[in-house]
Amino acid sequence: MPEPDPAGTAPSCPHRPPCPGCPRFGIAGVAPAALTSLAALALTHGVPLTVAPAGAATGFRVRARLAIRGRVGSPKLGLFELGTHRVVHIPRCSVHHPLINQVAAVVRRALVETRTSCYSDTAHQGCARYLQVTVERSSQSAQVVLVANCATPEPVSACFELIRERLGTALHSLWFSANTGRGNTILGPGFVRWCGPESLVERFGGAAIHYPPGAFIQNNLDAAQAIIEQVRGAIPPGSRVAEFYAGVGAIGLSVLERVSALQLNEVGPESLQGLALGLARLDPVDRARIAVLPGPAGAATAAADGADVVIVDPPRKGLDAALTEHLVAHPPERLIYVSCGLPALLADAYRLTAGGRLWLASITAYDLLPYTEHVETVALFERA
């Protein structure tokens, strides 16, 4: 299997237009509008803006969610054209890890040979609806989820057997997810494991991190690893750490060697399941240093009390209001804010520093999703 291309390789794409997945395709670096906003934030606080080195230009995406639409015997697997439910078939996507394209081709052929119908948004009929593929880096195998408009896996069982047979050792695990509702939700509320392990396993310089199929995972794990390494370097040895929006523990469990005590807050059930799998496999001494606080971040603000370092990695909407208020009133020695939503970061930075008890010490931009407007940011705040 070919390896992802190194940074600096000029990419090409046979699917643009109309594929909307990479609106800045071929243009390297963080989007200018995002850089302008971050530079203004840095200037306001008198700190430099650091831009992390670029990663691979192709093959960097290790998770993809593809819509399945079309006629029986002629399915399309890809992304919706902007503002429509017309799918752009993207069998040779250059930003996908090569295994994702391989899996999509196998699944498409299995749908054709088993005469499995494809979902129609207008009629709310048809079976195969979405495909999620996630690549485990260590094994170079794929966790595959077929989302279908049926309550049980029986209507796609023949398709599943073909997928399992033809992917062979390239298949990590195969899952069914029932999504019988209308609307644009991709995954159903639960998963049925057809074969393979219960989670992918990744490592970012620390403990094993477990990803069940419904848990959030960064699409670009090489860039995510660089972010975790920066966070690790910002934690003084022996620190008491609280992390909010911890997910499956990708950051917290990966920096465990730096901490004396660790509290992890998360609300998502699938992420909590992955976190539990990771904790269960720790050495008992390490496990004893960790407390898990399930539920909304705004209801777990007491976890920040007594912490030397607080880590937050919120969704795009930013911090819960109650958590922001608590951090302003009771600032930790150090706050590490990992942001995936630039407008929310700008608003939260203003709120966190307005009272003068926290100040912005550094800010780093990561081109986590190349060729898009997205920017991932690590902002370090310190107590005044």
Protein backbone atom coordinates (compact mmCIF):
# COMPACT_ATOMS: atom_id res chain seq x y z
CA MET A 1 0.00 0.00 0.00
CA PRO A 2 1.40 3.42 -0.87
CA GLU A 3 2.38 5.74 1.95
CA PRO A 4 0.97 9.27 2.35
CA ASP A 5 3.06 11.81 0.46
CA PRO A 6 5.49 13.96 2.45
CA ALA A 7 4.99 17.67 3.10
CA GLY A 8 5.66 19.86 0.12
CA THR A 9 4.44 17.44 -2.54
CA ALA A 10 2.19 19.24 -5.01
CA PRO A 11 -1.19 17.45 -4.84
CA SER A 12 -3.62 16.76 -7.65
CA CYS A 13 -7.32 15.93 -7.52
CA PRO A 14 -9.54 14.34 -10.18
CA HIS A 15 -12.76 15.26 -8.32
CA ARG A 16 -12.65 19.08 -8.26
CA PRO A 17 -15.03 20.49 -9.17
CA PRO A 18 -17.67 19.67 -7.94
CA CYS A 19 -16.31 18.00 -4.76
CA PRO A 20 -16.51 20.62 -1.97
CA GLY A 21 -14.25 18.84 0.52
CA CYS A 22 -11.13 20.97 0.03
CA PRO A 23 -12.19 24.55 -0.81
CA ARG A 24 -8.54 25.74 -0.78
CA PHE A 25 -7.12 22.67 -2.51
CA GLY A 26 -3.49 23.06 -3.55
CA ILE A 27 -2.93 26.16 -1.40
CA ALA A 28 -0.52 25.33 1.39
CA GLY A 29 -0.72 26.70 4.90
CA VAL A 30 -3.26 28.12 7.32
CA ALA A 31 -6.05 30.12 5.67
CA PRO A 32 -5.18 33.85 5.44
CA ALA A 33 -8.39 34.96 7.19
CA ALA A 34 -7.63 32.71 10.16
CA LEU A 35 -4.03 33.92 10.33
CA THR A 36 -5.20 37.54 10.28
CA SER A 37 -7.57 36.94 13.20
CA LEU A 38 -4.95 35.08 15.21
CA ALA A 39 -2.30 37.71 14.47
CA ALA A 40 -4.67 40.40 15.76
CA LEU A 41 -5.26 38.39 18.95
CA ALA A 42 -1.52 37.95 19.44
CA LEU A 43 -0.87 41.64 18.85
CA THR A 44 -3.54 42.65 21.35
CA HIS A 45 -1.83 40.59 24.03
CA GLY A 46 1.72 41.38 23.02
CA VAL A 47 2.76 37.82 22.19
CA PRO A 48 4.11 36.33 18.95
CA LEU A 49 1.98 34.08 16.76
CA THR A 50 3.68 30.78 16.02
CA VAL A 51 2.62 28.71 13.02
CA ALA A 52 3.46 25.03 13.35
CA PRO A 53 5.33 23.34 10.48
CA ALA A 54 3.16 21.92 7.72
CA GLY A 55 2.46 18.22 7.61
CA ALA A 56 1.81 15.89 4.71
CA ALA A 57 0.12 17.37 1.66
CA THR A 58 -1.76 14.17 0.77
CA GLY A 59 -2.92 11.00 2.49
CA PHE A 60 -3.22 12.69 5.90
CA ARG A 61 -6.91 12.06 6.61
CA VAL A 62 -7.35 8.86 8.63
CA ARG A 63 -11.12 9.14 9.13
CA ALA A 64 -13.70 9.76 6.43
CA ARG A 65 -17.49 9.78 6.43
CA LEU A 66 -18.91 9.21 2.98
CA ALA A 67 -22.52 9.48 1.87
CA ILE A 68 -23.92 6.56 -0.13
CA ARG A 69 -26.52 7.46 -2.74
CA GLY A 70 -27.49 6.36 -6.26
CA ARG A 71 -29.28 3.52 -7.99
CA VAL A 72 -29.16 -0.19 -7.30
CA GLY A 73 -26.08 -1.49 -9.09
CA SER A 74 -24.59 2.01 -9.48
CA PRO A 75 -23.89 3.51 -6.03
CA LYS A 76 -21.90 6.68 -5.43
CA LEU A 77 -19.72 7.10 -2.35
CA GLY A 78 -18.53 10.59 -1.53
CA LEU A 79 -19.54 14.05 -0.40
CA PHE A 80 -22.64 16.11 -1.09
CA GLU A 81 -22.36 18.96 -3.53
CA LEU A 82 -22.83 22.21 -1.67
CA GLY A 83 -26.48 22.84 -0.82
CA THR A 84 -27.70 19.56 -2.32
CA HIS A 85 -28.12 15.85 -1.63
CA ARG A 86 -26.29 14.99 -4.86
CA VAL A 87 -23.24 12.91 -4.05
CA VAL A 88 -19.91 13.52 -5.75
CA HIS A 89 -18.27 10.11 -6.17
CA ILE A 90 -14.65 10.43 -4.99
CA PRO A 91 -12.87 7.07 -5.48
CA ARG A 92 -9.40 8.64 -5.79
CA CYS A 93 -9.44 11.32 -3.09
CA SER A 94 -5.86 12.47 -2.58
CA VAL A 95 -6.26 13.69 1.00
CA HIS A 96 -7.63 10.36 2.20
CA HIS A 97 -5.26 7.78 3.56
CA PRO A 98 -4.95 5.29 0.68
CA LEU A 99 -6.67 2.59 2.72
CA ILE A 100 -9.84 4.70 2.93
CA ASN A 101 -10.10 4.72 -0.87
CA GLN A 102 -9.42 0.98 -0.93
CA VAL A 103 -12.17 0.30 1.60
CA ALA A 104 -14.64 2.53 -0.25
CA ALA A 105 -13.97 0.61 -3.47
CA VAL A 106 -14.52 -2.75 -1.76
CA VAL A 107 -17.74 -1.54 -0.10
CA ARG A 108 -19.04 -0.14 -3.39
CA ARG A 109 -18.38 -3.43 -5.16
CA ALA A 110 -20.10 -5.35 -2.35
CA LEU A 111 -23.16 -3.09 -2.66
CA VAL A 112 -23.25 -3.71 -6.41
CA GLU A 113 -22.90 -7.49 -6.21
CA THR A 114 -25.48 -7.89 -3.45
CA ARG A 115 -27.90 -5.51 -5.17
CA THR A 116 -28.17 -3.46 -1.97
CA SER A 117 -30.28 -0.35 -2.41
CA CYS A 118 -28.97 3.13 -1.61
CA TYR A 119 -30.73 5.65 0.55
CA SER A 120 -32.92 8.37 -1.00
CA ASP A 121 -33.31 11.53 1.08
CA THR A 122 -36.50 12.58 -0.72
CA ALA A 123 -38.30 9.25 -0.49
CA HIS A 124 -36.70 8.22 2.83
CA GLN A 125 -36.23 4.78 1.35
CA GLY A 126 -33.30 2.57 0.45
CA CYS A 127 -30.80 0.82 2.68
CA ALA A 128 -27.11 1.84 2.54
CA ARG A 129 -26.82 5.41 3.81
CA TYR A 130 -23.27 6.30 4.96
CA LEU A 131 -19.84 4.74 5.28
CA GLN A 132 -17.35 5.67 8.02
CA VAL A 133 -13.76 4.47 7.67
CA THR A 134 -11.04 5.04 10.27
CA VAL A 135 -7.46 3.85 9.82
CA GLU A 136 -5.42 2.54 12.74
CA ARG A 137 -1.88 3.74 12.11
CA SER A 138 0.04 0.93 13.84
CA SER A 139 -1.71 -1.94 12.03
CA GLN A 140 -2.61 -0.07 8.83
CA SER A 141 -6.06 -1.60 9.07
CA ALA A 142 -9.50 0.01 8.88
CA GLN A 143 -12.40 0.23 11.30
CA VAL A 144 -15.43 0.21 8.97
CA VAL A 145 -18.96 1.32 9.85
CA LEU A 146 -21.85 0.90 7.41
CA VAL A 147 -24.80 3.11 8.35
CA ALA A 148 -28.11 1.84 7.00
CA ASN A 149 -31.75 2.84 6.91
CA CYS A 150 -32.83 -0.37 8.63
CA ALA A 151 -33.21 -1.41 12.25
CA THR A 152 -31.02 -4.53 12.16
CA PRO A 153 -27.98 -5.70 10.16
CA GLU A 154 -29.79 -8.55 8.41
CA PRO A 155 -30.57 -6.60 5.19
CA VAL A 156 -26.84 -5.91 4.70
CA SER A 157 -25.45 -9.20 6.06
CA ALA A 158 -24.46 -10.50 2.62
CA CYS A 159 -22.72 -7.21 1.90
CA PHE A 160 -20.86 -7.45 5.22
CA GLU A 161 -19.57 -10.92 4.43
CA LEU A 162 -18.16 -9.75 1.10
CA ILE A 163 -16.48 -6.77 2.78
CA ARG A 164 -14.90 -8.99 5.44
CA GLU A 165 -13.67 -11.52 2.89
CA ARG A 166 -12.22 -9.00 0.43
CA LEU A 167 -10.51 -6.66 2.87
CA GLY A 168 -8.84 -9.53 4.74
CA THR A 169 -6.04 -8.31 6.99
CA ALA A 170 -6.70 -4.70 5.96
CA LEU A 171 -9.94 -4.90 7.98
CA HIS A 172 -9.61 -3.97 11.64
CA SER A 173 -13.31 -4.31 12.49
CA LEU A 174 -16.70 -4.10 10.83
CA TRP A 175 -19.75 -2.41 12.36
CA PHE A 176 -23.41 -1.76 11.63
CA SER A 177 -25.17 1.42 12.69
CA ALA A 178 -28.94 1.85 12.29
CA ASN A 179 -30.07 5.31 11.21
CA THR A 180 -33.75 5.21 10.30
CA GLY A 181 -34.60 8.86 10.94
CA ARG A 182 -34.90 11.72 8.51
CA GLY A 183 -32.39 14.53 8.59
CA ASN A 184 -28.65 14.96 8.12
CA THR A 185 -27.39 12.99 11.12
CA ILE A 186 -24.79 10.51 9.88
CA LEU A 187 -24.35 7.90 12.58
CA GLY A 188 -27.19 6.13 14.32
CA PRO A 189 -27.54 6.00 18.11
CA GLY A 190 -25.79 2.66 18.51
CA PHE A 191 -23.44 0.15 16.91
CA VAL A 192 -23.50 -3.59 16.29
CA ARG A 193 -20.07 -5.18 15.97
CA TRP A 194 -19.95 -7.67 13.10
CA CYS A 195 -16.31 -8.67 13.59
CA GLY A 196 -12.99 -7.44 14.96
CA PRO A 197 -11.79 -5.62 18.10
CA GLU A 198 -14.04 -3.23 20.04
CA SER A 199 -11.81 -0.20 19.49
CA LEU A 200 -8.96 1.22 17.47
CA VAL A 201 -5.80 1.88 19.48
CA GLU A 202 -3.51 4.85 18.96
CA ARG A 203 -0.51 6.13 20.89
CA PHE A 204 0.74 9.71 21.14
CA GLY A 205 3.90 9.15 23.16
CA GLY A 206 2.08 7.73 26.17
CA ALA A 207 -0.65 5.30 27.16
CA ALA A 208 -2.81 3.48 24.63
CA ILE A 209 -5.83 5.52 23.50
CA HIS A 210 -8.97 3.59 22.55
CA TYR A 211 -11.47 4.74 19.92
CA PRO A 212 -14.81 2.92 19.63
CA PRO A 213 -16.50 3.71 16.31
CA GLY A 214 -18.74 6.45 17.71
CA ALA A 215 -16.01 8.34 19.57
CA PHE A 216 -14.50 11.54 18.23
CA ILE A 217 -11.08 11.21 16.64
CA GLN A 218 -9.04 13.86 14.88
CA ASN A 219 -8.97 13.29 11.12
CA ASN A 220 -5.27 14.19 10.95
CA LEU A 221 -3.52 12.21 13.69
CA ASP A 222 0.00 13.30 12.77
CA ALA A 223 -0.94 16.94 13.37
CA ALA A 224 -2.87 15.95 16.49
CA GLN A 225 0.24 14.25 17.80
CA ALA A 226 2.22 17.49 17.36
CA ILE A 227 -0.44 19.32 19.36
CA ILE A 228 -0.26 16.75 22.16
CA GLU A 229 3.52 17.08 22.23
CA GLN A 230 3.17 20.85 22.67
CA VAL A 231 0.68 20.35 25.49
CA ARG A 232 2.99 17.84 27.14
CA GLY A 233 5.85 20.35 27.08
CA ALA A 234 3.66 22.99 28.74
CA ILE A 235 2.94 20.83 31.81
CA PRO A 236 5.53 21.12 34.59
CA PRO A 237 6.52 17.70 35.99
CA GLY A 238 4.42 16.62 38.94
CA SER A 239 1.51 18.93 38.14
CA ARG A 240 -2.04 18.31 39.24
CA VAL A 241 -4.05 18.47 36.02
CA ALA A 242 -7.74 18.77 35.20
CA GLU A 243 -8.91 18.30 31.62
CA PHE A 244 -12.34 19.31 30.37
CA TYR A 245 -13.88 17.92 27.16
CA ALA A 246 -11.35 15.08 27.46
CA GLY A 247 -12.91 12.76 24.88
CA VAL A 248 -11.32 9.31 25.00
CA GLY A 249 -8.33 10.77 26.86
CA ALA A 250 -6.07 11.40 23.87
CA ILE A 251 -4.41 14.33 25.61
CA GLY A 252 -4.74 13.44 29.29
CA LEU A 253 -3.62 9.81 29.09
CA SER A 254 -0.79 10.76 26.73
CA VAL A 255 0.73 13.20 29.24
CA LEU A 256 0.19 11.00 32.27
CA GLU A 257 3.92 10.73 33.00
CA ARG A 258 3.99 14.49 33.66
CA VAL A 259 1.22 14.59 36.27
CA SER A 260 0.75 13.64 39.90
CA ALA A 261 -3.05 13.64 39.69
CA LEU A 262 -5.40 13.82 36.72
CA GLN A 263 -9.12 14.58 36.54
CA LEU A 264 -10.89 13.98 33.22
CA ASN A 265 -14.28 15.42 32.33
CA GLU A 266 -16.32 14.22 29.34
CA VAL A 267 -20.01 14.04 28.43
CA GLY A 268 -20.20 11.86 25.29
CA PRO A 269 -21.12 8.21 25.99
CA GLU A 270 -19.01 6.78 23.16
CA SER A 271 -15.99 8.81 24.26
CA LEU A 272 -16.53 7.75 27.87
CA GLN A 273 -16.59 4.15 26.66
CA GLY A 274 -13.23 4.64 24.93
CA LEU A 275 -11.83 6.35 28.00
CA ALA A 276 -12.94 3.43 30.17
CA LEU A 277 -11.18 1.00 27.83
CA GLY A 278 -7.98 3.00 28.10
CA LEU A 279 -8.16 3.25 31.88
CA ALA A 280 -8.82 -0.47 32.26
CA ARG A 281 -5.51 -1.25 30.59
CA LEU A 282 -3.36 1.05 32.72
CA ASP A 283 -1.04 -0.07 35.45
CA PRO A 284 -2.98 0.05 38.77
CA VAL A 285 -0.62 2.69 40.14
CA ASP A 286 -1.27 4.97 37.15
CA ARG A 287 -5.00 4.26 37.26
CA ALA A 288 -5.14 5.33 40.90
CA ARG A 289 -3.99 8.84 39.93
CA ILE A 290 -6.97 9.41 37.62
CA ALA A 291 -10.54 10.45 38.36
CA VAL A 292 -13.25 10.58 35.68
CA LEU A 293 -16.04 13.15 35.98
CA PRO A 294 -18.79 12.33 33.46
CA GLY A 295 -21.25 15.01 32.45
CA PRO A 296 -21.25 18.56 31.06
CA ALA A 297 -18.16 20.66 31.68
CA GLY A 298 -20.25 23.38 33.27
CA ALA A 299 -21.33 20.94 35.98
CA ALA A 300 -17.77 19.77 36.75
CA THR A 301 -16.08 23.13 37.41
CA ALA A 302 -14.89 22.00 40.85
CA ALA A 303 -12.35 19.79 39.06
CA ALA A 304 -10.35 22.93 38.30
CA ASP A 305 -9.99 23.78 42.00
CA GLY A 306 -6.57 22.77 43.21
CA ALA A 307 -5.30 21.99 39.71
CA ASP A 308 -1.95 23.47 38.72
CA VAL A 309 -2.79 23.07 35.03
CA VAL A 310 -6.22 23.07 33.41
CA ILE A 311 -6.58 21.75 29.85
CA VAL A 312 -9.67 22.53 27.79
CA ASP A 313 -10.40 21.09 24.33
CA PRO A 314 -13.98 22.23 23.71
CA PRO A 315 -16.17 21.71 20.65
CA ARG A 316 -16.45 24.49 18.09
CA LYS A 317 -18.94 26.45 20.18
CA GLY A 318 -16.25 26.98 22.83
CA LEU A 319 -16.30 26.79 26.61
CA ASP A 320 -19.44 26.29 28.66
CA ALA A 321 -20.37 29.63 30.24
CA ALA A 322 -20.22 28.19 33.76
CA LEU A 323 -16.69 26.87 33.18
CA THR A 324 -15.51 30.22 31.79
CA GLU A 325 -16.90 32.04 34.82
CA HIS A 326 -15.20 29.61 37.18
CA LEU A 327 -11.82 29.91 35.47
CA VAL A 328 -12.06 33.71 35.58
CA ALA A 329 -12.98 33.72 39.26
CA HIS A 330 -10.51 30.95 40.23
CA PRO A 331 -7.69 31.07 37.66
CA PRO A 332 -5.29 28.12 37.60
CA GLU A 333 -1.55 28.69 37.38
CA ARG A 334 -1.72 27.60 33.74
CA LEU A 335 -4.60 27.10 31.31
CA ILE A 336 -3.98 25.27 28.03
CA TYR A 337 -6.78 25.91 25.53
CA VAL A 338 -6.87 23.61 22.46
CA SER A 339 -9.30 25.19 20.02
CA CYS A 340 -11.06 23.84 16.95
CA GLY A 341 -13.37 26.87 16.60
CA LEU A 342 -11.63 30.18 15.93
CA PRO A 343 -14.61 32.50 16.64
CA ALA A 344 -15.17 30.75 19.97
CA LEU A 345 -11.48 31.02 20.88
CA LEU A 346 -11.45 34.75 20.17
CA ALA A 347 -14.55 35.28 22.32
CA ASP A 348 -13.31 33.01 25.12
CA ALA A 349 -9.88 34.67 25.15
CA TYR A 350 -11.53 38.03 25.68
CA ARG A 351 -13.67 36.72 28.54
CA LEU A 352 -10.81 34.86 30.22
CA THR A 353 -8.45 37.84 30.21
CA ALA A 354 -10.90 40.71 30.71
CA GLY A 355 -10.65 40.61 34.49
CA GLY A 356 -6.86 40.77 34.47
CA ARG A 357 -6.34 37.55 36.43
CA LEU A 358 -5.32 35.48 33.39
CA TRP A 359 -3.08 36.62 30.54
CA LEU A 360 -2.32 35.10 27.16
CA ALA A 361 1.27 33.85 27.16
CA SER A 362 1.54 32.17 23.74
CA ILE A 363 -0.49 31.08 20.75
CA THR A 364 0.27 28.46 18.08
CA ALA A 365 -1.68 27.74 14.89
CA TYR A 366 -1.87 24.28 13.31
CA ASP A 367 -3.07 23.52 9.78
CA LEU A 368 -4.88 20.42 11.02
CA LEU A 369 -7.20 20.17 8.00
CA PRO A 370 -5.17 21.39 5.02
CA TYR A 371 -6.98 23.12 2.12
CA THR A 372 -9.87 24.26 4.34
CA GLU A 373 -10.62 27.43 6.31
CA HIS A 374 -10.20 25.49 9.55
CA VAL A 375 -7.37 26.22 11.97
CA GLU A 376 -6.53 24.36 15.17
CA THR A 377 -5.01 26.56 17.86
CA VAL A 378 -3.17 26.01 21.12
CA ALA A 379 -3.38 29.04 23.41
CA LEU A 380 -1.48 29.13 26.69
CA PHE A 381 -2.85 31.33 29.47
CA GLU A 382 -1.12 31.98 32.79
CA ARG A 383 -2.27 33.40 36.08
CA ALA A 384 -1.32 37.06 36.51
